């Protein structure tokens, strides 16, 4: 799944799939009820691909958190985000045991579980497809680098080899006496 096409919008509940881009914003489809609506560029729009979760040592992309949730739930729905606070926190600690307890709020945990359940319900958690896409892009990048390196090497070869100039025919150094000497006027008879 291409998580750059899945967004969250400030002030709107749930997650949305980007359908089209307009001059003033986006046309999105709600993953909750499938309704389409315009979203203005004035709204704060964030791609799921760009969201990170703070840990004690680093930052982890949200899609990696979703992948761990999928492993823990065996691809099924996670607990309901409206469950007892203790259950929500316990589930999230299974998924991210080293999350930063000062910067990851309880409301953030509930949102992530809610978004995961929406994506799972809409069958949008195909991480194998994502890995294949990344591998193809990596191969393309490697091919481009090799192609560019080959072009640079060929240019260097061209620059290093002296240019061959076509041999100019040399003028005959012997000039006939007639041509070299000025013509004298012939005597009149």
Foldseek 3Di string as FASTA:
>chain_A
DPQQQKKDWPPDDEIWGFDAADPFATWTAGLVPRDIDGDGPPIDMDGLQPDWFAFPPGIHRLLLLLVLLCVVVVLAQDPQLPPDLVRLVVSSCSSPVGTDPVPQDSVNSSRSSRHSRSCSVVVNSPVVVVVVVVVVVVVVVVVVVVVVVVVVVVVVVVVPDDDDDDDDDDDDPDDDPVVVDDDDDDDDD
